[in-house]
mmCIF file of all heavy atoms, coordinates in Angstrom:
data_MODEL
# 
_entry.id   MODEL 
# 
loop_
_atom_site.group_PDB 
_atom_site.id 
_atom_site.type_symbol 
_atom_site.label_atom_id 
_atom_site.label_alt_id 
_atom_site.label_comp_id 
_atom_site.label_asym_id 
_atom_site.label_entity_id 
_atom_site.label_seq_id 
_atom_site.pdbx_PDB_ins_code 
_atom_site.Cartn_x 
_atom_site.Cartn_y 
_atom_site.Cartn_z 
_atom_site.occupancy 
_atom_site.B_iso_or_equiv 
_atom_site.pdbx_formal_charge 
_atom_site.auth_seq_id 
_atom_site.auth_comp_id 
_atom_site.auth_asym_id 
_atom_site.auth_atom_id 
_atom_site.pdbx_PDB_model_num 
ATOM 1   N N   . HIS A 1 1  ? 21.744 19.208 -22.103 1.00 0.00 ? 1  HIS A N   1 
ATOM 2   C CA  . HIS A 1 1  ? 23.039 19.539 -22.704 1.00 0.00 ? 1  HIS A CA  1 
ATOM 3   C C   . HIS A 1 1  ? 22.834 20.221 -24.059 1.00 0.00 ? 1  HIS A C   1 
ATOM 4   O O   . HIS A 1 1  ? 23.481 21.227 -24.375 1.00 0.00 ? 1  HIS A O   1 
ATOM 5   C CB  . HIS A 1 1  ? 23.868 18.272 -22.881 1.00 0.00 ? 1  HIS A CB  1 
ATOM 6   C CG  . HIS A 1 1  ? 25.182 18.504 -23.576 1.00 0.00 ? 1  HIS A CG  1 
ATOM 7   N ND1 . HIS A 1 1  ? 26.231 19.162 -22.975 1.00 0.00 ? 1  HIS A ND1 1 
ATOM 8   C CD2 . HIS A 1 1  ? 25.595 18.206 -24.843 1.00 0.00 ? 1  HIS A CD2 1 
ATOM 9   C CE1 . HIS A 1 1  ? 27.248 19.239 -23.814 1.00 0.00 ? 1  HIS A CE1 1 
ATOM 10  N NE2 . HIS A 1 1  ? 26.877 18.664 -24.954 1.00 0.00 ? 1  HIS A NE2 1 
ATOM 11  N N   . ARG A 1 2  ? 21.887 19.683 -24.852 1.00 0.00 ? 2  ARG A N   1 
ATOM 12  C CA  . ARG A 1 2  ? 21.613 20.254 -26.166 1.00 0.00 ? 2  ARG A CA  1 
ATOM 13  C C   . ARG A 1 2  ? 21.090 21.688 -26.029 1.00 0.00 ? 2  ARG A C   1 
ATOM 14  O O   . ARG A 1 2  ? 21.511 22.594 -26.754 1.00 0.00 ? 2  ARG A O   1 
ATOM 15  C CB  . ARG A 1 2  ? 20.574 19.394 -26.898 1.00 0.00 ? 2  ARG A CB  1 
ATOM 16  C CG  . ARG A 1 2  ? 20.214 19.889 -28.303 1.00 0.00 ? 2  ARG A CG  1 
ATOM 17  C CD  . ARG A 1 2  ? 19.298 18.874 -28.979 1.00 0.00 ? 2  ARG A CD  1 
ATOM 18  N NE  . ARG A 1 2  ? 18.874 19.354 -30.284 1.00 0.00 ? 2  ARG A NE  1 
ATOM 19  C CZ  . ARG A 1 2  ? 17.805 20.129 -30.461 1.00 0.00 ? 2  ARG A CZ  1 
ATOM 20  N NH1 . ARG A 1 2  ? 17.082 20.526 -29.432 1.00 0.00 ? 2  ARG A NH1 1 
ATOM 21  N NH2 . ARG A 1 2  ? 17.462 20.528 -31.676 1.00 0.00 ? 2  ARG A NH2 1 
ATOM 22  N N   . SER A 1 3  ? 20.189 21.916 -25.080 1.00 0.00 ? 3  SER A N   1 
ATOM 23  C CA  . SER A 1 3  ? 19.655 23.265 -24.867 1.00 0.00 ? 3  SER A CA  1 
ATOM 24  C C   . SER A 1 3  ? 20.760 24.221 -24.440 1.00 0.00 ? 3  SER A C   1 
ATOM 25  O O   . SER A 1 3  ? 20.800 25.381 -24.863 1.00 0.00 ? 3  SER A O   1 
ATOM 26  C CB  . SER A 1 3  ? 18.559 23.228 -23.801 1.00 0.00 ? 3  SER A CB  1 
ATOM 27  O OG  . SER A 1 3  ? 17.491 22.411 -24.228 1.00 0.00 ? 3  SER A OG  1 
ATOM 28  N N   . PHE A 1 4  ? 21.676 23.719 -23.613 1.00 0.00 ? 4  PHE A N   1 
ATOM 29  C CA  . PHE A 1 4  ? 22.784 24.561 -23.167 1.00 0.00 ? 4  PHE A CA  1 
ATOM 30  C C   . PHE A 1 4  ? 23.678 24.932 -24.340 1.00 0.00 ? 4  PHE A C   1 
ATOM 31  O O   . PHE A 1 4  ? 24.099 26.081 -24.482 1.00 0.00 ? 4  PHE A O   1 
ATOM 32  C CB  . PHE A 1 4  ? 23.589 23.813 -22.099 1.00 0.00 ? 4  PHE A CB  1 
ATOM 33  C CG  . PHE A 1 4  ? 24.780 24.578 -21.601 1.00 0.00 ? 4  PHE A CG  1 
ATOM 34  C CD1 . PHE A 1 4  ? 24.629 25.660 -20.743 1.00 0.00 ? 4  PHE A CD1 1 
ATOM 35  C CD2 . PHE A 1 4  ? 26.068 24.229 -21.998 1.00 0.00 ? 4  PHE A CD2 1 
ATOM 36  C CE1 . PHE A 1 4  ? 25.727 26.369 -20.290 1.00 0.00 ? 4  PHE A CE1 1 
ATOM 37  C CE2 . PHE A 1 4  ? 27.167 24.934 -21.553 1.00 0.00 ? 4  PHE A CE2 1 
ATOM 38  C CZ  . PHE A 1 4  ? 26.997 26.004 -20.695 1.00 0.00 ? 4  PHE A CZ  1 
ATOM 39  N N   . VAL A 1 5  ? 23.941 23.964 -25.232 1.00 0.00 ? 5  VAL A N   1 
ATOM 40  C CA  . VAL A 1 5  ? 24.783 24.224 -26.409 1.00 0.00 ? 5  VAL A CA  1 
ATOM 41  C C   . VAL A 1 5  ? 24.131 25.260 -27.315 1.00 0.00 ? 5  VAL A C   1 
ATOM 42  O O   . VAL A 1 5  ? 24.777 26.191 -27.805 1.00 0.00 ? 5  VAL A O   1 
ATOM 43  C CB  . VAL A 1 5  ? 25.052 22.920 -27.185 1.00 0.00 ? 5  VAL A CB  1 
ATOM 44  C CG1 . VAL A 1 5  ? 25.709 23.235 -28.529 1.00 0.00 ? 5  VAL A CG1 1 
ATOM 45  C CG2 . VAL A 1 5  ? 25.955 22.002 -26.365 1.00 0.00 ? 5  VAL A CG2 1 
ATOM 46  N N   . ILE A 1 6  ? 22.801 25.120 -27.534 1.00 0.00 ? 6  ILE A N   1 
ATOM 47  C CA  . ILE A 1 6  ? 22.088 26.088 -28.380 1.00 0.00 ? 6  ILE A CA  1 
ATOM 48  C C   . ILE A 1 6  ? 22.168 27.485 -27.785 1.00 0.00 ? 6  ILE A C   1 
ATOM 49  O O   . ILE A 1 6  ? 22.396 28.476 -28.479 1.00 0.00 ? 6  ILE A O   1 
ATOM 50  C CB  . ILE A 1 6  ? 20.622 25.661 -28.561 1.00 0.00 ? 6  ILE A CB  1 
ATOM 51  C CG1 . ILE A 1 6  ? 20.557 24.402 -29.460 1.00 0.00 ? 6  ILE A CG1 1 
ATOM 52  C CG2 . ILE A 1 6  ? 19.795 26.775 -29.181 1.00 0.00 ? 6  ILE A CG2 1 
ATOM 53  C CD1 . ILE A 1 6  ? 19.164 23.820 -29.574 1.00 0.00 ? 6  ILE A CD1 1 
ATOM 54  N N   . LEU A 1 7  ? 21.991 27.570 -26.457 1.00 0.00 ? 7  LEU A N   1 
ATOM 55  C CA  . LEU A 1 7  ? 22.082 28.863 -25.794 1.00 0.00 ? 7  LEU A CA  1 
ATOM 56  C C   . LEU A 1 7  ? 23.451 29.485 -25.981 1.00 0.00 ? 7  LEU A C   1 
ATOM 57  O O   . LEU A 1 7  ? 23.584 30.665 -26.306 1.00 0.00 ? 7  LEU A O   1 
ATOM 58  C CB  . LEU A 1 7  ? 21.757 28.696 -24.311 1.00 0.00 ? 7  LEU A CB  1 
ATOM 59  C CG  . LEU A 1 7  ? 21.929 29.954 -23.435 1.00 0.00 ? 7  LEU A CG  1 
ATOM 60  C CD1 . LEU A 1 7  ? 20.976 31.051 -23.907 1.00 0.00 ? 7  LEU A CD1 1 
ATOM 61  C CD2 . LEU A 1 7  ? 21.683 29.618 -21.981 1.00 0.00 ? 7  LEU A CD2 1 
ATOM 62  N N   . ILE A 1 8  ? 24.508 28.685 -25.784 1.00 0.00 ? 8  ILE A N   1 
ATOM 63  C CA  . ILE A 1 8  ? 25.874 29.204 -25.924 1.00 0.00 ? 8  ILE A CA  1 
ATOM 64  C C   . ILE A 1 8  ? 26.131 29.660 -27.350 1.00 0.00 ? 8  ILE A C   1 
ATOM 65  O O   . ILE A 1 8  ? 26.699 30.726 -27.596 1.00 0.00 ? 8  ILE A O   1 
ATOM 66  C CB  . ILE A 1 8  ? 26.902 28.134 -25.501 1.00 0.00 ? 8  ILE A CB  1 
ATOM 67  C CG1 . ILE A 1 8  ? 26.789 27.866 -23.993 1.00 0.00 ? 8  ILE A CG1 1 
ATOM 68  C CG2 . ILE A 1 8  ? 28.313 28.558 -25.859 1.00 0.00 ? 8  ILE A CG2 1 
ATOM 69  C CD1 . ILE A 1 8  ? 27.048 29.073 -23.128 1.00 0.00 ? 8  ILE A CD1 1 
ATOM 70  N N   . LEU A 1 9  ? 25.670 28.873 -28.350 1.00 0.00 ? 9  LEU A N   1 
ATOM 71  C CA  . LEU A 1 9  ? 25.867 29.269 -29.746 1.00 0.00 ? 9  LEU A CA  1 
ATOM 72  C C   . LEU A 1 9  ? 25.152 30.576 -30.033 1.00 0.00 ? 9  LEU A C   1 
ATOM 73  O O   . LEU A 1 9  ? 25.658 31.431 -30.760 1.00 0.00 ? 9  LEU A O   1 
ATOM 74  C CB  . LEU A 1 9  ? 25.360 28.161 -30.680 1.00 0.00 ? 9  LEU A CB  1 
ATOM 75  C CG  . LEU A 1 9  ? 26.221 26.900 -30.754 1.00 0.00 ? 9  LEU A CG  1 
ATOM 76  C CD1 . LEU A 1 9  ? 25.535 25.847 -31.615 1.00 0.00 ? 9  LEU A CD1 1 
ATOM 77  C CD2 . LEU A 1 9  ? 27.603 27.210 -31.311 1.00 0.00 ? 9  LEU A CD2 1 
ATOM 78  N N   . GLY A 1 10 ? 23.932 30.736 -29.459 1.00 0.00 ? 10 GLY A N   1 
ATOM 79  C CA  . GLY A 1 10 ? 23.216 31.989 -29.653 1.00 0.00 ? 10 GLY A CA  1 
ATOM 80  C C   . GLY A 1 10 ? 23.963 33.165 -29.083 1.00 0.00 ? 10 GLY A C   1 
ATOM 81  O O   . GLY A 1 10 ? 24.055 34.218 -29.696 1.00 0.00 ? 10 GLY A O   1 
ATOM 82  N N   . LEU A 1 11 ? 24.543 32.989 -27.887 1.00 0.00 ? 11 LEU A N   1 
ATOM 83  C CA  . LEU A 1 11 ? 25.309 34.071 -27.281 1.00 0.00 ? 11 LEU A CA  1 
ATOM 84  C C   . LEU A 1 11 ? 26.542 34.397 -28.097 1.00 0.00 ? 11 LEU A C   1 
ATOM 85  O O   . LEU A 1 11 ? 26.916 35.560 -28.257 1.00 0.00 ? 11 LEU A O   1 
ATOM 86  C CB  . LEU A 1 11 ? 25.689 33.682 -25.847 1.00 0.00 ? 11 LEU A CB  1 
ATOM 87  C CG  . LEU A 1 11 ? 24.525 33.586 -24.850 1.00 0.00 ? 11 LEU A CG  1 
ATOM 88  C CD1 . LEU A 1 11 ? 25.029 33.044 -23.521 1.00 0.00 ? 11 LEU A CD1 1 
ATOM 89  C CD2 . LEU A 1 11 ? 23.844 34.923 -24.658 1.00 0.00 ? 11 LEU A CD2 1 
ATOM 90  N N   . VAL A 1 12 ? 27.201 33.369 -28.644 1.00 0.00 ? 12 VAL A N   1 
ATOM 91  C CA  . VAL A 1 12 ? 28.393 33.594 -29.464 1.00 0.00 ? 12 VAL A CA  1 
ATOM 92  C C   . VAL A 1 12 ? 28.035 34.365 -30.721 1.00 0.00 ? 12 VAL A C   1 
ATOM 93  O O   . VAL A 1 12 ? 28.733 35.283 -31.148 1.00 0.00 ? 12 VAL A O   1 
ATOM 94  C CB  . VAL A 1 12 ? 29.057 32.241 -29.817 1.00 0.00 ? 12 VAL A CB  1 
ATOM 95  C CG1 . VAL A 1 12 ? 30.119 32.442 -30.889 1.00 0.00 ? 12 VAL A CG1 1 
ATOM 96  C CG2 . VAL A 1 12 ? 29.685 31.627 -28.572 1.00 0.00 ? 12 VAL A CG2 1 
ATOM 97  N N   . LEU A 1 13 ? 26.887 34.018 -31.333 1.00 0.00 ? 13 LEU A N   1 
ATOM 98  C CA  . LEU A 1 13 ? 26.481 34.696 -32.556 1.00 0.00 ? 13 LEU A CA  1 
ATOM 99  C C   . LEU A 1 13 ? 26.168 36.154 -32.287 1.00 0.00 ? 13 LEU A C   1 
ATOM 100 O O   . LEU A 1 13 ? 26.497 37.047 -33.059 1.00 0.00 ? 13 LEU A O   1 
ATOM 101 C CB  . LEU A 1 13 ? 25.259 33.989 -33.151 1.00 0.00 ? 13 LEU A CB  1 
ATOM 102 C CG  . LEU A 1 13 ? 24.837 34.400 -34.561 1.00 0.00 ? 13 LEU A CG  1 
ATOM 103 C CD1 . LEU A 1 13 ? 25.977 34.200 -35.542 1.00 0.00 ? 13 LEU A CD1 1 
ATOM 104 C CD2 . LEU A 1 13 ? 23.617 33.633 -34.995 1.00 0.00 ? 13 LEU A CD2 1 
ATOM 105 N N   . TYR A 1 14 ? 25.496 36.417 -31.147 1.00 0.00 ? 14 TYR A N   1 
ATOM 106 C CA  . TYR A 1 14 ? 25.194 37.800 -30.791 1.00 0.00 ? 14 TYR A CA  1 
ATOM 107 C C   . TYR A 1 14 ? 26.448 38.611 -30.515 1.00 0.00 ? 14 TYR A C   1 
ATOM 108 O O   . TYR A 1 14 ? 26.556 39.763 -30.874 1.00 0.00 ? 14 TYR A O   1 
ATOM 109 C CB  . TYR A 1 14 ? 24.372 37.837 -29.500 1.00 0.00 ? 14 TYR A CB  1 
ATOM 110 C CG  . TYR A 1 14 ? 22.880 37.748 -29.696 1.00 0.00 ? 14 TYR A CG  1 
ATOM 111 C CD1 . TYR A 1 14 ? 22.108 36.966 -28.848 1.00 0.00 ? 14 TYR A CD1 1 
ATOM 112 C CD2 . TYR A 1 14 ? 22.252 38.472 -30.692 1.00 0.00 ? 14 TYR A CD2 1 
ATOM 113 C CE1 . TYR A 1 14 ? 20.735 36.889 -29.003 1.00 0.00 ? 14 TYR A CE1 1 
ATOM 114 C CE2 . TYR A 1 14 ? 20.885 38.403 -30.852 1.00 0.00 ? 14 TYR A CE2 1 
ATOM 115 C CZ  . TYR A 1 14 ? 20.139 37.611 -30.007 1.00 0.00 ? 14 TYR A CZ  1 
ATOM 116 O OH  . TYR A 1 14 ? 18.796 37.532 -30.156 1.00 0.00 ? 14 TYR A OH  1 
ATOM 117 N N   . ALA A 1 15 ? 27.388 37.981 -29.822 1.00 0.00 ? 15 ALA A N   1 
ATOM 118 C CA  . ALA A 1 15 ? 28.493 38.734 -29.244 1.00 0.00 ? 15 ALA A CA  1 
ATOM 119 C C   . ALA A 1 15 ? 29.354 39.373 -30.313 1.00 0.00 ? 15 ALA A C   1 
ATOM 120 O O   . ALA A 1 15 ? 29.761 38.739 -31.266 1.00 0.00 ? 15 ALA A O   1 
ATOM 121 C CB  . ALA A 1 15 ? 29.346 37.819 -28.375 1.00 0.00 ? 15 ALA A CB  1 
ATOM 122 N N   . ALA A 1 16 ? 29.613 40.648 -30.167 1.00 0.00 ? 16 ALA A N   1 
ATOM 123 C CA  . ALA A 1 16 ? 30.542 41.352 -31.045 1.00 0.00 ? 16 ALA A CA  1 
ATOM 124 C C   . ALA A 1 16 ? 31.488 42.142 -30.161 1.00 0.00 ? 16 ALA A C   1 
ATOM 125 O O   . ALA A 1 16 ? 31.088 42.656 -29.115 1.00 0.00 ? 16 ALA A O   1 
ATOM 126 C CB  . ALA A 1 16 ? 29.792 42.298 -31.983 1.00 0.00 ? 16 ALA A CB  1 
ATOM 127 N N   . PRO A 1 17 ? 32.751 42.244 -30.543 1.00 0.00 ? 17 PRO A N   1 
ATOM 128 C CA  . PRO A 1 17 ? 33.682 43.034 -29.734 1.00 0.00 ? 17 PRO A CA  1 
ATOM 129 C C   . PRO A 1 17 ? 33.162 44.445 -29.548 1.00 0.00 ? 17 PRO A C   1 
ATOM 130 O O   . PRO A 1 17 ? 32.568 45.034 -30.445 1.00 0.00 ? 17 PRO A O   1 
ATOM 131 C CB  . PRO A 1 17 ? 34.964 43.006 -30.574 1.00 0.00 ? 17 PRO A CB  1 
ATOM 132 C CG  . PRO A 1 17 ? 34.833 41.802 -31.454 1.00 0.00 ? 17 PRO A CG  1 
ATOM 133 C CD  . PRO A 1 17 ? 33.378 41.665 -31.735 1.00 0.00 ? 17 PRO A CD  1 
ATOM 134 N N   . SER A 1 18 ? 33.355 44.995 -28.362 1.00 0.00 ? 18 SER A N   1 
ATOM 135 C CA  . SER A 1 18 ? 32.881 46.349 -28.092 1.00 0.00 ? 18 SER A CA  1 
ATOM 136 C C   . SER A 1 18 ? 33.639 47.351 -28.957 1.00 0.00 ? 18 SER A C   1 
ATOM 137 O O   . SER A 1 18 ? 34.806 47.148 -29.304 1.00 0.00 ? 18 SER A O   1 
ATOM 138 C CB  . SER A 1 18 ? 33.061 46.683 -26.613 1.00 0.00 ? 18 SER A CB  1 
ATOM 139 O OG  . SER A 1 18 ? 34.426 46.590 -26.253 1.00 0.00 ? 18 SER A OG  1 
ATOM 140 N N   . ILE A 1 19 ? 32.958 48.441 -29.291 1.00 0.00 ? 19 ILE A N   1 
ATOM 141 C CA  . ILE A 1 19 ? 33.529 49.448 -30.190 1.00 0.00 ? 19 ILE A CA  1 
ATOM 142 C C   . ILE A 1 19 ? 33.558 50.779 -29.479 1.00 0.00 ? 19 ILE A C   1 
ATOM 143 O O   . ILE A 1 19 ? 32.536 51.250 -28.981 1.00 0.00 ? 19 ILE A O   1 
ATOM 144 C CB  . ILE A 1 19 ? 32.684 49.572 -31.473 1.00 0.00 ? 19 ILE A CB  1 
ATOM 145 C CG1 . ILE A 1 19 ? 32.548 48.204 -32.162 1.00 0.00 ? 19 ILE A CG1 1 
ATOM 146 C CG2 . ILE A 1 19 ? 33.297 50.575 -32.432 1.00 0.00 ? 19 ILE A CG2 1 
ATOM 147 C CD1 . ILE A 1 19 ? 31.563 48.214 -33.310 1.00 0.00 ? 19 ILE A CD1 1 
ATOM 148 N N   . ALA A 1 20 ? 34.718 51.391 -29.415 1.00 0.00 ? 20 ALA A N   1 
ATOM 149 C CA  . ALA A 1 20 ? 34.826 52.743 -28.859 1.00 0.00 ? 20 ALA A CA  1 
ATOM 150 C C   . ALA A 1 20 ? 34.147 53.723 -29.803 1.00 0.00 ? 20 ALA A C   1 
ATOM 151 O O   . ALA A 1 20 ? 34.070 53.512 -31.014 1.00 0.00 ? 20 ALA A O   1 
ATOM 152 C CB  . ALA A 1 20 ? 36.296 53.111 -28.663 1.00 0.00 ? 20 ALA A CB  1 
ATOM 153 N N   . ALA A 1 21 ? 33.628 54.801 -29.245 1.00 0.00 ? 21 ALA A N   1 
ATOM 154 C CA  . ALA A 1 21 ? 32.845 55.757 -30.023 1.00 0.00 ? 21 ALA A CA  1 
ATOM 155 C C   . ALA A 1 21 ? 33.641 56.354 -31.177 1.00 0.00 ? 21 ALA A C   1 
ATOM 156 O O   . ALA A 1 21 ? 33.079 56.714 -32.212 1.00 0.00 ? 21 ALA A O   1 
ATOM 157 C CB  . ALA A 1 21 ? 32.328 56.868 -29.111 1.00 0.00 ? 21 ALA A CB  1 
ATOM 158 N N   . ASP A 1 22 ? 34.963 56.478 -31.013 1.00 0.00 ? 22 ASP A N   1 
ATOM 159 C CA  . ASP A 1 22 ? 35.767 57.121 -32.043 1.00 0.00 ? 22 ASP A CA  1 
ATOM 160 C C   . ASP A 1 22 ? 36.440 56.118 -32.980 1.00 0.00 ? 22 ASP A C   1 
ATOM 161 O O   . ASP A 1 22 ? 37.235 56.504 -33.837 1.00 0.00 ? 22 ASP A O   1 
ATOM 162 C CB  . ASP A 1 22 ? 36.829 58.025 -31.411 1.00 0.00 ? 22 ASP A CB  1 
ATOM 163 C CG  . ASP A 1 22 ? 37.761 57.268 -30.463 1.00 0.00 ? 22 ASP A CG  1 
ATOM 164 O OD1 . ASP A 1 22 ? 37.446 56.093 -30.143 1.00 0.00 ? 22 ASP A OD1 1 
ATOM 165 O OD2 . ASP A 1 22 ? 38.773 57.850 -30.044 1.00 0.00 ? 22 ASP A OD2 1 
ATOM 166 N N   . GLU A 1 23 ? 36.157 54.827 -32.826 1.00 0.00 ? 23 GLU A N   1 
ATOM 167 C CA  . GLU A 1 23 ? 36.758 53.829 -33.708 1.00 0.00 ? 23 GLU A CA  1 
ATOM 168 C C   . GLU A 1 23 ? 36.118 53.900 -35.086 1.00 0.00 ? 23 GLU A C   1 
ATOM 169 O O   . GLU A 1 23 ? 34.915 54.150 -35.220 1.00 0.00 ? 23 GLU A O   1 
ATOM 170 C CB  . GLU A 1 23 ? 36.580 52.423 -33.131 1.00 0.00 ? 23 GLU A CB  1 
ATOM 171 C CG  . GLU A 1 23 ? 37.621 52.045 -32.102 1.00 0.00 ? 23 GLU A CG  1 
ATOM 172 C CD  . GLU A 1 23 ? 37.665 50.538 -31.886 1.00 0.00 ? 23 GLU A CD  1 
ATOM 173 O OE1 . GLU A 1 23 ? 38.393 49.868 -32.631 1.00 0.00 ? 23 GLU A OE1 1 
ATOM 174 O OE2 . GLU A 1 23 ? 36.970 50.067 -30.985 1.00 0.00 ? 23 GLU A OE2 1 
ATOM 175 N N   . THR A 1 24 ? 36.901 53.643 -36.103 1.00 0.00 ? 24 THR A N   1 
ATOM 176 C CA  . THR A 1 24 ? 36.381 53.693 -37.458 1.00 0.00 ? 24 THR A CA  1 
ATOM 177 C C   . THR A 1 24 ? 37.246 52.832 -38.357 1.00 0.00 ? 24 THR A C   1 
ATOM 178 O O   . THR A 1 24 ? 38.249 52.253 -37.926 1.00 0.00 ? 24 THR A O   1 
ATOM 179 C CB  . THR A 1 24 ? 36.347 55.143 -37.973 1.00 0.00 ? 24 THR A CB  1 
ATOM 180 O OG1 . THR A 1 24 ? 35.668 55.181 -39.235 1.00 0.00 ? 24 THR A OG1 1 
ATOM 181 C CG2 . THR A 1 24 ? 37.748 55.709 -38.141 1.00 0.00 ? 24 THR A CG2 1 
ATOM 182 N N   . ILE A 1 25 ? 36.843 52.739 -39.613 1.00 0.00 ? 25 ILE A N   1 
ATOM 183 C CA  . ILE A 1 25 ? 37.652 52.081 -40.648 1.00 0.00 ? 25 ILE A CA  1 
ATOM 184 C C   . ILE A 1 25 ? 38.104 53.167 -41.607 1.00 0.00 ? 25 ILE A C   1 
ATOM 185 O O   . ILE A 1 25 ? 37.257 53.880 -42.165 1.00 0.00 ? 25 ILE A O   1 
ATOM 186 C CB  . ILE A 1 25 ? 36.843 51.012 -41.405 1.00 0.00 ? 25 ILE A CB  1 
ATOM 187 C CG1 . ILE A 1 25 ? 36.288 49.957 -40.438 1.00 0.00 ? 25 ILE A CG1 1 
ATOM 188 C CG2 . ILE A 1 25 ? 37.694 50.344 -42.471 1.00 0.00 ? 25 ILE A CG2 1 
ATOM 189 C CD1 . ILE A 1 25 ? 35.399 48.922 -41.105 1.00 0.00 ? 25 ILE A CD1 1 
ATOM 190 N N   . PRO A 1 26 ? 39.391 53.347 -41.815 1.00 0.00 ? 26 PRO A N   1 
ATOM 191 C CA  . PRO A 1 26 ? 39.851 54.411 -42.717 1.00 0.00 ? 26 PRO A CA  1 
ATOM 192 C C   . PRO A 1 26 ? 39.266 54.242 -44.112 1.00 0.00 ? 26 PRO A C   1 
ATOM 193 O O   . PRO A 1 26 ? 39.219 53.126 -44.654 1.00 0.00 ? 26 PRO A O   1 
ATOM 194 C CB  . PRO A 1 26 ? 41.370 54.234 -42.722 1.00 0.00 ? 26 PRO A CB  1 
ATOM 195 C CG  . PRO A 1 26 ? 41.677 53.505 -41.451 1.00 0.00 ? 26 PRO A CG  1 
ATOM 196 C CD  . PRO A 1 26 ? 40.511 52.604 -41.207 1.00 0.00 ? 26 PRO A CD  1 
ATOM 197 N N   . ALA A 1 27 ? 38.791 55.337 -44.695 1.00 0.00 ? 27 ALA A N   1 
ATOM 198 C CA  . ALA A 1 27 ? 38.302 55.300 -46.072 1.00 0.00 ? 27 ALA A CA  1 
ATOM 199 C C   . ALA A 1 27 ? 39.413 54.813 -46.988 1.00 0.00 ? 27 ALA A C   1 
ATOM 200 O O   . ALA A 1 27 ? 40.571 55.209 -46.843 1.00 0.00 ? 27 ALA A O   1 
ATOM 201 C CB  . ALA A 1 27 ? 37.823 56.684 -46.494 1.00 0.00 ? 27 ALA A CB  1 
# 
């Protein structure tokens, strides 16, 4: 169970919402 929790936390930390090529933050 502990190993499974560590794995899930690692995946959560890695995961970032996908970004479209033209997405940006306005200056």
